[in-house]
Amino acid sequence: MRDSFNEINITPLTDIFLVLLIIMMVIAPMLDQQGLNLAVPEVVNQEQISKDTKIMNVVITENNQVIWDGQNIETANLEQFFTEHNKDYPDGLLIQADDDSEHGTIVKVMDSARNTGITSISLSRG
């Protein structure tokens, strides 16, 4: 007759758990990814802005045209434009984007401004 099976061998189970633990210990430090450093903007009323601030005001229309002081700026020439006018507006950039404008155009304007050294960028619905 056959002997009955009275005990469960847990050695293979513990081996599997130890291997999974080692894998998790190796992978866990790699999961620590850097995120974006975002500064949360403060709400500023129009009355709080002094008259002597020099902020460059760029408008993005619903047709994704970038307009500054009544003239249309080609998106390919944005970095050159910001480089030329950065000295005249030391207080930063205000982007007034239409609700129907594309996100890509806004990001392109922000990236071009940041690449030319403008660090204070504000976004407004216009």
Protein backbone atom coordinates (compact mmCIF):
# COMPACT_ATOMS: atom_id res chain seq x y z
CA MET A 1 0.00 0.00 0.00
CA ARG A 2 0.90 3.52 -0.56
CA ASP A 3 1.89 5.79 2.32
CA SER A 4 -0.40 8.70 2.85
CA PHE A 5 0.78 12.23 2.19
CA ASN A 6 0.82 13.95 5.59
CA GLU A 7 3.06 17.00 5.16
CA ILE A 8 3.31 19.85 2.67
CA ASN A 9 6.78 20.74 1.52
CA ILE A 10 7.01 24.57 1.66
CA THR A 11 10.63 24.85 0.55
CA PRO A 12 9.78 25.65 -3.11
CA LEU A 13 7.25 28.23 -1.93
CA THR A 14 9.80 30.03 0.23
CA ASP A 15 12.31 29.95 -2.64
CA ILE A 16 9.80 31.69 -4.91
CA PHE A 17 9.05 34.33 -2.27
CA LEU A 18 12.75 35.02 -1.69
CA VAL A 19 13.35 35.45 -5.42
CA LEU A 20 10.40 37.84 -5.69
CA LEU A 21 11.68 39.80 -2.68
CA ILE A 22 15.14 40.14 -4.24
CA ILE A 23 13.63 41.28 -7.54
CA MET A 24 11.54 43.92 -5.76
CA MET A 25 14.57 45.14 -3.79
CA VAL A 26 16.55 45.56 -7.00
CA ILE A 27 13.75 47.28 -8.95
CA ALA A 28 12.46 49.60 -6.19
CA PRO A 29 15.32 52.16 -6.37
CA MET A 30 14.83 52.43 -10.14
CA LEU A 31 11.19 53.47 -9.69
CA ASP A 32 12.17 56.74 -8.00
CA GLN A 33 11.62 59.04 -10.98
CA GLN A 34 12.01 62.77 -11.07
CA GLY A 35 8.88 64.78 -11.77
CA LEU A 36 8.36 68.30 -13.02
CA ASN A 37 9.29 71.15 -10.74
CA LEU A 38 6.21 73.33 -10.85
CA ALA A 39 5.65 76.53 -8.98
CA VAL A 40 2.02 76.99 -8.08
CA PRO A 41 0.94 80.43 -9.27
CA GLU A 42 -0.57 82.99 -6.97
CA VAL A 43 -3.84 84.70 -7.80
CA VAL A 44 -3.11 88.33 -8.59
CA ASN A 45 -5.78 90.94 -9.12
CA GLN A 46 -5.39 93.53 -11.84
CA GLU A 47 -5.23 96.28 -9.18
CA GLN A 48 -2.18 94.66 -7.57
CA ILE A 49 -0.08 94.98 -10.71
CA SER A 50 1.85 98.21 -10.57
CA LYS A 51 2.04 100.50 -13.58
CA ASP A 52 5.82 100.33 -13.81
CA THR A 53 6.01 96.56 -14.40
CA LYS A 54 7.33 95.58 -17.78
CA ILE A 55 5.67 92.33 -18.77
CA MET A 56 5.69 91.12 -22.37
CA ASN A 57 2.11 90.33 -23.37
CA VAL A 58 1.66 87.68 -26.10
CA VAL A 59 -1.78 86.67 -27.37
CA ILE A 60 -2.56 83.27 -28.91
CA THR A 61 -5.72 83.38 -31.01
CA GLU A 62 -8.21 80.61 -31.72
CA ASN A 63 -6.39 80.06 -35.06
CA ASN A 64 -3.12 79.44 -33.14
CA GLN A 65 -1.57 82.68 -34.31
CA VAL A 66 0.91 84.28 -31.94
CA ILE A 67 0.38 88.05 -31.78
CA TRP A 68 2.45 90.66 -29.99
CA ASP A 69 1.65 94.36 -30.16
CA GLY A 70 -0.63 93.85 -33.15
CA GLN A 71 1.88 91.94 -35.28
CA ASN A 72 1.82 88.25 -36.08
CA ILE A 73 4.87 86.22 -35.03
CA GLU A 74 5.69 83.02 -36.88
CA THR A 75 6.17 80.07 -34.54
CA ALA A 76 9.48 79.26 -36.23
CA ASN A 77 10.82 82.70 -35.25
CA LEU A 78 9.69 82.70 -31.61
CA GLU A 79 13.12 82.18 -30.06
CA GLN A 80 14.61 84.95 -32.17
CA PHE A 81 11.73 87.25 -31.20
CA PHE A 82 12.12 86.53 -27.48
CA THR A 83 15.89 87.01 -27.69
CA GLU A 84 15.43 90.44 -29.28
CA HIS A 85 12.79 91.67 -26.82
CA ASN A 86 13.87 89.95 -23.60
CA LYS A 87 15.92 92.95 -22.45
CA ASP A 88 12.97 95.35 -22.79
CA TYR A 89 10.67 93.24 -20.59
CA PRO A 90 12.59 92.12 -17.49
CA ASP A 91 9.47 91.20 -15.48
CA GLY A 92 8.56 88.19 -17.60
CA LEU A 93 5.99 86.99 -20.09
CA LEU A 94 2.20 86.85 -19.99
CA ILE A 95 0.57 84.49 -22.50
CA GLN A 96 -3.11 85.17 -23.11
CA ALA A 97 -4.44 82.07 -24.84
CA ASP A 98 -7.86 81.76 -26.41
CA ASP A 99 -10.02 78.92 -25.12
CA ASP A 100 -10.00 77.30 -28.57
CA SER A 101 -6.24 77.54 -29.13
CA GLU A 102 -4.23 74.34 -29.28
CA HIS A 103 -2.15 73.19 -26.34
CA GLY A 104 0.84 72.55 -28.61
CA THR A 105 1.06 76.21 -29.63
CA ILE A 106 1.00 77.34 -26.00
CA VAL A 107 3.73 74.86 -25.08
CA LYS A 108 5.84 75.97 -28.06
CA VAL A 109 5.62 79.61 -26.94
CA MET A 110 6.49 78.64 -23.35
CA ASP A 111 9.43 76.47 -24.44
CA SER A 112 10.78 79.17 -26.76
CA ALA A 113 10.58 81.75 -23.98
CA ARG A 114 12.26 79.45 -21.48
CA ASN A 115 15.03 78.62 -23.97
CA THR A 116 15.85 82.32 -24.35
CA GLY A 117 16.17 82.89 -20.61
CA ILE A 118 12.70 84.09 -19.60
CA THR A 119 12.01 82.50 -16.23
CA SER A 120 8.77 84.22 -15.18
CA ILE A 121 6.01 82.95 -17.46
CA SER A 122 2.31 83.42 -16.71
CA LEU A 123 -0.66 81.98 -18.57
CA SER A 124 -4.07 83.57 -18.84
CA ARG A 125 -7.28 82.76 -20.60
CA GLY A 126 -8.03 85.47 -23.08
